[in-house]
Amino acid sequence: MDNKPDIVTVNPNILGGTPVFAGTRVPIQSLFDFIETGETIDEFLENFPTVRREQVIALLEAAREQISPT
């Protein structure tokens, strides 16, 4: 777990506490909105250059772990 990048920050002083990618002001929901409309991760990263690919991958892996049966 120590090797995982910081993924999400929740701070009431940043976008009213909306979960954002750590170190940015980019809401996590933006990634899911892009995916829902058929956009790629590369297109998301082009639109939000402050987000790192490692953060996106780690978030998606964490989401998969939450919904996958053990």
N, C-alpha and C. Protein backbone atom coordinates (compact mmCIF):
# COMPACT_ATOMS: atom_id res chain seq x y z
N MET A 1 0.82 -1.19 0.00
CA MET A 1 0.00 0.00 0.00
C MET A 1 0.87 1.26 0.00
N ASP A 2 2.07 1.17 0.55
CA ASP A 2 2.94 2.33 0.58
C ASP A 2 3.37 2.77 -0.83
N ASN A 3 3.38 1.86 -1.79
CA ASN A 3 3.81 2.19 -3.13
C ASN A 3 2.69 2.77 -3.99
N LYS A 4 1.45 2.75 -3.51
CA LYS A 4 0.35 3.30 -4.28
C LYS A 4 0.41 4.82 -4.29
N PRO A 5 0.11 5.41 -5.44
CA PRO A 5 0.10 6.87 -5.49
C PRO A 5 -1.10 7.42 -4.73
N ASP A 6 -0.98 8.67 -4.30
CA ASP A 6 -2.15 9.32 -3.73
C ASP A 6 -3.20 9.39 -4.82
N ILE A 7 -4.41 9.00 -4.49
CA ILE A 7 -5.45 8.95 -5.51
C ILE A 7 -6.48 10.04 -5.31
N VAL A 8 -7.09 10.07 -4.14
CA VAL A 8 -8.23 10.94 -3.89
C VAL A 8 -7.99 11.82 -2.68
N THR A 9 -8.46 13.05 -2.79
CA THR A 9 -8.44 13.98 -1.67
C THR A 9 -9.86 14.50 -1.47
N VAL A 10 -10.27 14.57 -0.21
CA VAL A 10 -11.54 15.20 0.14
C VAL A 10 -11.21 16.28 1.15
N ASN A 11 -11.47 17.52 0.77
CA ASN A 11 -11.15 18.65 1.62
C ASN A 11 -12.27 19.67 1.48
N PRO A 12 -12.88 20.08 2.58
CA PRO A 12 -14.00 21.04 2.47
C PRO A 12 -13.60 22.36 1.82
N ASN A 13 -12.31 22.66 1.76
CA ASN A 13 -11.84 23.90 1.13
C ASN A 13 -11.57 23.75 -0.36
N ILE A 14 -11.68 22.53 -0.87
CA ILE A 14 -11.48 22.29 -2.31
C ILE A 14 -12.79 21.79 -2.89
N LEU A 15 -13.40 22.61 -3.72
CA LEU A 15 -14.68 22.28 -4.37
C LEU A 15 -15.73 21.82 -3.37
N GLY A 16 -15.74 22.42 -2.18
CA GLY A 16 -16.76 22.12 -1.18
C GLY A 16 -16.73 20.70 -0.67
N GLY A 17 -15.57 20.05 -0.73
CA GLY A 17 -15.46 18.68 -0.22
C GLY A 17 -15.72 17.60 -1.25
N THR A 18 -15.90 17.99 -2.50
CA THR A 18 -16.07 17.01 -3.57
C THR A 18 -14.79 16.19 -3.70
N PRO A 19 -14.89 14.87 -3.79
CA PRO A 19 -13.68 14.06 -3.98
C PRO A 19 -12.98 14.45 -5.28
N VAL A 20 -11.68 14.76 -5.18
CA VAL A 20 -10.89 15.15 -6.34
C VAL A 20 -9.64 14.29 -6.41
N PHE A 21 -9.03 14.24 -7.59
CA PHE A 21 -7.74 13.58 -7.70
C PHE A 21 -6.75 14.34 -6.85
N ALA A 22 -5.98 13.64 -6.04
CA ALA A 22 -5.03 14.26 -5.13
C ALA A 22 -4.09 15.20 -5.88
N GLY A 23 -3.88 16.37 -5.30
CA GLY A 23 -2.99 17.35 -5.89
C GLY A 23 -3.61 18.17 -7.02
N THR A 24 -4.92 17.97 -7.25
CA THR A 24 -5.61 18.69 -8.33
C THR A 24 -6.93 19.24 -7.80
N ARG A 25 -7.64 19.90 -8.69
CA ARG A 25 -9.01 20.32 -8.41
C ARG A 25 -9.96 19.61 -9.38
N VAL A 26 -9.55 18.44 -9.85
CA VAL A 26 -10.33 17.67 -10.83
C VAL A 26 -11.18 16.65 -10.09
N PRO A 27 -12.51 16.81 -10.15
CA PRO A 27 -13.38 15.85 -9.48
C PRO A 27 -13.24 14.44 -10.04
N ILE A 28 -13.28 13.47 -9.15
CA ILE A 28 -13.25 12.05 -9.55
C ILE A 28 -14.39 11.76 -10.52
N GLN A 29 -15.53 12.37 -10.28
CA GLN A 29 -16.71 12.14 -11.12
C GLN A 29 -16.42 12.46 -12.59
N SER A 30 -15.52 13.40 -12.84
CA SER A 30 -15.18 13.75 -14.22
C SER A 30 -14.66 12.55 -15.00
N LEU A 31 -13.85 11.72 -14.35
CA LEU A 31 -13.33 10.52 -15.02
C LEU A 31 -14.48 9.60 -15.40
N PHE A 32 -15.40 9.37 -14.47
CA PHE A 32 -16.51 8.47 -14.75
C PHE A 32 -17.43 9.05 -15.82
N ASP A 33 -17.60 10.37 -15.83
CA ASP A 33 -18.39 11.01 -16.88
C ASP A 33 -17.75 10.78 -18.24
N PHE A 34 -16.43 10.92 -18.33
CA PHE A 34 -15.72 10.68 -19.59
C PHE A 34 -15.93 9.24 -20.05
N ILE A 35 -15.75 8.30 -19.14
CA ILE A 35 -15.89 6.89 -19.49
C ILE A 35 -17.31 6.58 -19.95
N GLU A 36 -18.30 7.13 -19.26
CA GLU A 36 -19.70 6.88 -19.62
C GLU A 36 -20.05 7.37 -21.01
N THR A 37 -19.37 8.42 -21.47
CA THR A 37 -19.66 8.95 -22.80
C THR A 37 -18.79 8.34 -23.89
N GLY A 38 -17.98 7.33 -23.52
CA GLY A 38 -17.18 6.63 -24.50
C GLY A 38 -15.80 7.22 -24.74
N GLU A 39 -15.42 8.22 -23.95
CA GLU A 39 -14.09 8.82 -24.07
C GLU A 39 -13.06 7.85 -23.49
N THR A 40 -11.84 8.00 -23.92
CA THR A 40 -10.76 7.14 -23.44
C THR A 40 -10.02 7.80 -22.28
N ILE A 41 -9.22 7.00 -21.60
CA ILE A 41 -8.38 7.53 -20.53
C ILE A 41 -7.42 8.58 -21.10
N ASP A 42 -6.87 8.30 -22.27
CA ASP A 42 -5.96 9.27 -22.89
C ASP A 42 -6.66 10.61 -23.15
N GLU A 43 -7.90 10.56 -23.61
CA GLU A 43 -8.65 11.80 -23.83
C GLU A 43 -8.91 12.52 -22.52
N PHE A 44 -9.22 11.77 -21.47
CA PHE A 44 -9.40 12.37 -20.15
C PHE A 44 -8.12 13.08 -19.72
N LEU A 45 -6.99 12.40 -19.84
CA LEU A 45 -5.71 12.97 -19.42
C LEU A 45 -5.33 14.19 -20.25
N GLU A 46 -5.71 14.21 -21.52
CA GLU A 46 -5.44 15.39 -22.35
C GLU A 46 -6.25 16.59 -21.86
N ASN A 47 -7.47 16.33 -21.41
CA ASN A 47 -8.34 17.41 -20.92
C ASN A 47 -8.00 17.84 -19.51
N PHE A 48 -7.39 16.96 -18.73
CA PHE A 48 -7.05 17.25 -17.34
C PHE A 48 -5.58 16.90 -17.10
N PRO A 49 -4.66 17.70 -17.62
CA PRO A 49 -3.23 17.35 -17.56
C PRO A 49 -2.63 17.33 -16.15
N THR A 50 -3.35 17.83 -15.15
CA THR A 50 -2.81 17.77 -13.79
C THR A 50 -3.01 16.40 -13.16
N VAL A 51 -3.85 15.57 -13.77
CA VAL A 51 -4.09 14.21 -13.27
C VAL A 51 -3.06 13.29 -13.90
N ARG A 52 -2.47 12.43 -13.09
CA ARG A 52 -1.48 11.47 -13.58
C ARG A 52 -2.15 10.15 -13.97
N ARG A 53 -1.61 9.52 -14.98
CA ARG A 53 -2.14 8.22 -15.43
C ARG A 53 -2.18 7.22 -14.28
N GLU A 54 -1.15 7.23 -13.43
CA GLU A 54 -1.09 6.31 -12.29
C GLU A 54 -2.29 6.50 -11.36
N GLN A 55 -2.73 7.75 -11.21
CA GLN A 55 -3.89 8.02 -10.36
C GLN A 55 -5.15 7.41 -10.97
N VAL A 56 -5.31 7.58 -12.27
CA VAL A 56 -6.49 7.05 -12.95
C VAL A 56 -6.53 5.53 -12.83
N ILE A 57 -5.42 4.88 -13.13
CA ILE A 57 -5.35 3.43 -13.07
C ILE A 57 -5.61 2.94 -11.64
N ALA A 58 -5.00 3.58 -10.67
CA ALA A 58 -5.19 3.18 -9.27
C ALA A 58 -6.65 3.36 -8.84
N LEU A 59 -7.29 4.43 -9.28
CA LEU A 59 -8.70 4.65 -8.94
C LEU A 59 -9.57 3.56 -9.56
N LEU A 60 -9.33 3.25 -10.83
CA LEU A 60 -10.14 2.23 -11.49
C LEU A 60 -9.91 0.85 -10.87
N GLU A 61 -8.67 0.56 -10.48
CA GLU A 61 -8.40 -0.71 -9.82
C GLU A 61 -9.09 -0.78 -8.46
N ALA A 62 -9.07 0.31 -7.72
CA ALA A 62 -9.74 0.34 -6.41
C ALA A 62 -11.25 0.18 -6.58
N ALA A 63 -11.81 0.80 -7.61
CA ALA A 63 -13.25 0.66 -7.88
C ALA A 63 -13.58 -0.79 -8.24
N ARG A 64 -12.73 -1.40 -9.06
CA ARG A 64 -12.96 -2.80 -9.44
C ARG A 64 -12.93 -3.71 -8.21
N GLU A 65 -11.97 -3.46 -7.32
CA GLU A 65 -11.88 -4.28 -6.10
C GLU A 65 -13.14 -4.16 -5.25
N GLN A 66 -13.76 -2.98 -5.28
CA GLN A 66 -14.97 -2.77 -4.48
C GLN A 66 -16.16 -3.54 -5.02
N ILE A 67 -16.19 -3.76 -6.33
CA ILE A 67 -17.36 -4.43 -6.92
C ILE A 67 -17.12 -5.89 -7.27
N SER A 68 -15.87 -6.33 -7.24
CA SER A 68 -15.56 -7.73 -7.59
C SER A 68 -15.79 -8.64 -6.39
N PRO A 69 -16.37 -9.81 -6.65
CA PRO A 69 -16.53 -10.76 -5.56
C PRO A 69 -15.17 -11.29 -5.11
N THR A 70 -15.05 -11.58 -3.85
CA THR A 70 -13.77 -12.07 -3.31
C THR A 70 -13.65 -13.56 -3.39
